[in-house]
Amino acid sequence: MKTGLIQIYCGDGRGKTTAAIGQAIRAASQGKTVTIIQFLKGRNEEELNFIKRLEPEIKLFRFEKS
C-alpha cells in the first residue's frame, strides 16, 4: 500500500481554499489522486463553479451548514 498525505487548512481569515487548491493542482499534475473535503458555513458559487471544472482529476466533497 502506498503512503498518502493529509493536509488540513483551518482557522479564521482568508487563503485556506486557495492554499488547498494550489496543493491539489500540484499533486494532480504529478499524477496523484486528490480529494478535497470542504466544510462550509456559507456558500460561494463562484468558487464552487471553478472547483467543479477541476474534476475528475480532483474530487470535491462539500458539506454545508444549513
N, C-alpha and C. Protein backbone atom coordinates (compact mmCIF):
# COMPACT_ATOMS: atom_id res chain seq x y z
N MET A 1 0.84 -1.18 0.00
CA MET A 1 0.00 0.00 0.00
C MET A 1 0.89 1.24 0.00
N LYS A 2 0.52 2.20 -0.82
CA LYS A 2 1.29 3.45 -0.88
C LYS A 2 0.89 4.37 0.27
N THR A 3 1.83 5.17 0.68
CA THR A 3 1.53 6.14 1.73
C THR A 3 0.92 7.39 1.12
N GLY A 4 0.00 8.00 1.87
CA GLY A 4 -0.65 9.20 1.39
C GLY A 4 -0.30 10.39 2.27
N LEU A 5 -0.93 11.49 1.99
CA LEU A 5 -0.68 12.72 2.72
C LEU A 5 -2.01 13.40 2.97
N ILE A 6 -2.22 13.84 4.19
CA ILE A 6 -3.42 14.60 4.54
C ILE A 6 -2.97 15.97 5.01
N GLN A 7 -3.56 17.01 4.43
CA GLN A 7 -3.27 18.38 4.85
C GLN A 7 -4.58 19.00 5.31
N ILE A 8 -4.55 19.71 6.44
CA ILE A 8 -5.73 20.36 6.98
C ILE A 8 -5.47 21.85 7.05
N TYR A 9 -6.38 22.62 6.45
CA TYR A 9 -6.30 24.08 6.48
C TYR A 9 -7.50 24.56 7.29
N CYS A 10 -7.26 25.27 8.38
CA CYS A 10 -8.36 25.74 9.22
C CYS A 10 -7.99 27.09 9.83
N GLY A 11 -8.98 27.73 10.43
CA GLY A 11 -8.73 28.99 11.12
C GLY A 11 -9.49 30.14 10.51
N ASP A 12 -9.41 31.26 11.19
CA ASP A 12 -10.06 32.47 10.72
C ASP A 12 -9.27 33.08 9.57
N GLY A 13 -9.90 33.98 8.87
CA GLY A 13 -9.19 34.69 7.81
C GLY A 13 -9.34 34.04 6.46
N ARG A 14 -8.46 34.43 5.56
CA ARG A 14 -8.56 34.02 4.17
C ARG A 14 -7.39 33.14 3.77
N GLY A 15 -7.55 32.49 2.59
CA GLY A 15 -6.43 31.77 2.00
C GLY A 15 -6.47 30.26 2.14
N LYS A 16 -7.39 29.73 2.92
CA LYS A 16 -7.42 28.28 3.13
C LYS A 16 -7.78 27.54 1.84
N THR A 17 -8.83 27.97 1.18
CA THR A 17 -9.24 27.30 -0.06
C THR A 17 -8.19 27.50 -1.15
N THR A 18 -7.62 28.68 -1.23
CA THR A 18 -6.59 28.96 -2.22
C THR A 18 -5.38 28.05 -2.02
N ALA A 19 -4.96 27.89 -0.78
CA ALA A 19 -3.82 27.01 -0.48
C ALA A 19 -4.14 25.56 -0.83
N ALA A 20 -5.34 25.11 -0.48
CA ALA A 20 -5.73 23.73 -0.76
C ALA A 20 -5.80 23.47 -2.27
N ILE A 21 -6.38 24.40 -3.02
CA ILE A 21 -6.48 24.22 -4.47
C ILE A 21 -5.10 24.23 -5.11
N GLY A 22 -4.23 25.10 -4.66
CA GLY A 22 -2.87 25.14 -5.19
C GLY A 22 -2.13 23.83 -4.98
N GLN A 23 -2.21 23.28 -3.78
CA GLN A 23 -1.56 22.00 -3.50
C GLN A 23 -2.22 20.86 -4.28
N ALA A 24 -3.55 20.94 -4.44
CA ALA A 24 -4.27 19.90 -5.18
C ALA A 24 -3.86 19.89 -6.65
N ILE A 25 -3.74 21.06 -7.25
CA ILE A 25 -3.33 21.14 -8.65
C ILE A 25 -1.91 20.61 -8.82
N ARG A 26 -1.04 20.96 -7.90
CA ARG A 26 0.34 20.47 -7.96
C ARG A 26 0.38 18.94 -7.90
N ALA A 27 -0.36 18.36 -6.95
CA ALA A 27 -0.36 16.90 -6.80
C ALA A 27 -1.01 16.22 -8.00
N ALA A 28 -2.13 16.76 -8.48
CA ALA A 28 -2.82 16.16 -9.63
C ALA A 28 -1.94 16.20 -10.88
N SER A 29 -1.17 17.27 -11.03
CA SER A 29 -0.29 17.36 -12.21
C SER A 29 0.84 16.35 -12.16
N GLN A 30 1.10 15.81 -10.97
CA GLN A 30 2.12 14.76 -10.81
C GLN A 30 1.50 13.37 -10.88
N GLY A 31 0.20 13.32 -11.24
CA GLY A 31 -0.47 12.03 -11.40
C GLY A 31 -1.00 11.43 -10.11
N LYS A 32 -1.04 12.19 -9.04
CA LYS A 32 -1.52 11.68 -7.76
C LYS A 32 -3.03 11.84 -7.67
N THR A 33 -3.65 11.00 -6.84
CA THR A 33 -5.08 11.08 -6.59
C THR A 33 -5.33 12.16 -5.55
N VAL A 34 -6.28 13.06 -5.83
CA VAL A 34 -6.53 14.20 -4.95
C VAL A 34 -8.01 14.25 -4.59
N THR A 35 -8.29 14.41 -3.30
CA THR A 35 -9.65 14.61 -2.81
C THR A 35 -9.65 15.82 -1.89
N ILE A 36 -10.58 16.74 -2.13
CA ILE A 36 -10.74 17.90 -1.25
C ILE A 36 -12.07 17.73 -0.53
N ILE A 37 -12.04 17.85 0.80
CA ILE A 37 -13.25 17.84 1.61
C ILE A 37 -13.35 19.21 2.25
N GLN A 38 -14.49 19.87 2.03
CA GLN A 38 -14.64 21.25 2.48
C GLN A 38 -15.89 21.35 3.35
N PHE A 39 -15.73 21.92 4.55
CA PHE A 39 -16.84 22.17 5.46
C PHE A 39 -17.12 23.66 5.44
N LEU A 40 -18.35 24.03 5.08
CA LEU A 40 -18.67 25.43 4.84
C LEU A 40 -19.73 25.96 5.80
N LYS A 41 -19.60 27.23 6.14
CA LYS A 41 -20.66 27.92 6.89
C LYS A 41 -21.60 28.61 5.92
N GLY A 42 -21.05 29.12 4.83
CA GLY A 42 -21.84 29.81 3.81
C GLY A 42 -21.54 29.22 2.46
N ARG A 43 -22.06 29.82 1.43
CA ARG A 43 -21.87 29.28 0.09
C ARG A 43 -21.29 30.34 -0.83
N ASN A 44 -20.27 29.98 -1.59
CA ASN A 44 -19.66 30.88 -2.57
C ASN A 44 -19.76 30.21 -3.93
N GLU A 45 -20.73 30.63 -4.75
CA GLU A 45 -20.99 29.99 -6.04
C GLU A 45 -19.82 30.08 -7.01
N GLU A 46 -19.13 31.23 -7.07
CA GLU A 46 -18.01 31.37 -8.00
C GLU A 46 -16.94 30.35 -7.70
N GLU A 47 -16.63 30.18 -6.44
CA GLU A 47 -15.62 29.21 -6.04
C GLU A 47 -16.06 27.80 -6.42
N LEU A 48 -17.32 27.48 -6.18
CA LEU A 48 -17.85 26.15 -6.49
C LEU A 48 -17.74 25.86 -7.98
N ASN A 49 -18.10 26.80 -8.83
CA ASN A 49 -18.04 26.60 -10.27
C ASN A 49 -16.62 26.34 -10.75
N PHE A 50 -15.64 27.04 -10.21
CA PHE A 50 -14.26 26.84 -10.62
C PHE A 50 -13.76 25.46 -10.19
N ILE A 51 -14.02 25.09 -8.96
CA ILE A 51 -13.52 23.80 -8.46
C ILE A 51 -14.16 22.64 -9.22
N LYS A 52 -15.41 22.77 -9.61
CA LYS A 52 -16.09 21.71 -10.38
C LYS A 52 -15.39 21.47 -11.72
N ARG A 53 -14.76 22.48 -12.29
CA ARG A 53 -14.06 22.31 -13.57
C ARG A 53 -12.79 21.49 -13.42
N LEU A 54 -12.31 21.32 -12.21
CA LEU A 54 -11.09 20.53 -11.97
C LEU A 54 -11.38 19.04 -11.90
N GLU A 55 -12.66 18.66 -11.79
CA GLU A 55 -13.00 17.25 -11.74
C GLU A 55 -12.87 16.64 -13.12
N PRO A 56 -12.51 15.40 -13.32
CA PRO A 56 -12.38 14.33 -12.35
C PRO A 56 -10.99 14.18 -11.74
N GLU A 57 -10.02 15.00 -12.16
CA GLU A 57 -8.67 14.87 -11.61
C GLU A 57 -8.64 15.17 -10.12
N ILE A 58 -9.46 16.11 -9.69
CA ILE A 58 -9.53 16.48 -8.27
C ILE A 58 -10.97 16.28 -7.83
N LYS A 59 -11.18 15.36 -6.90
CA LYS A 59 -12.51 15.07 -6.38
C LYS A 59 -12.85 16.09 -5.29
N LEU A 60 -14.08 16.56 -5.29
CA LEU A 60 -14.50 17.58 -4.33
C LEU A 60 -15.75 17.12 -3.58
N PHE A 61 -15.69 17.18 -2.26
CA PHE A 61 -16.84 16.92 -1.41
C PHE A 61 -17.05 18.14 -0.54
N ARG A 62 -18.28 18.69 -0.58
CA ARG A 62 -18.59 19.89 0.20
C ARG A 62 -19.73 19.59 1.16
N PHE A 63 -19.56 20.03 2.39
CA PHE A 63 -20.59 19.89 3.40
C PHE A 63 -20.93 21.27 3.90
N GLU A 64 -22.22 21.63 3.83
CA GLU A 64 -22.64 22.97 4.19
C GLU A 64 -23.54 22.94 5.40
N LYS A 65 -23.39 23.93 6.26
CA LYS A 65 -24.23 24.10 7.42
C LYS A 65 -25.53 24.75 6.97
N SER A 66 -26.67 24.14 7.31
CA SER A 66 -27.95 24.72 6.88
C SER A 66 -28.54 25.63 7.94
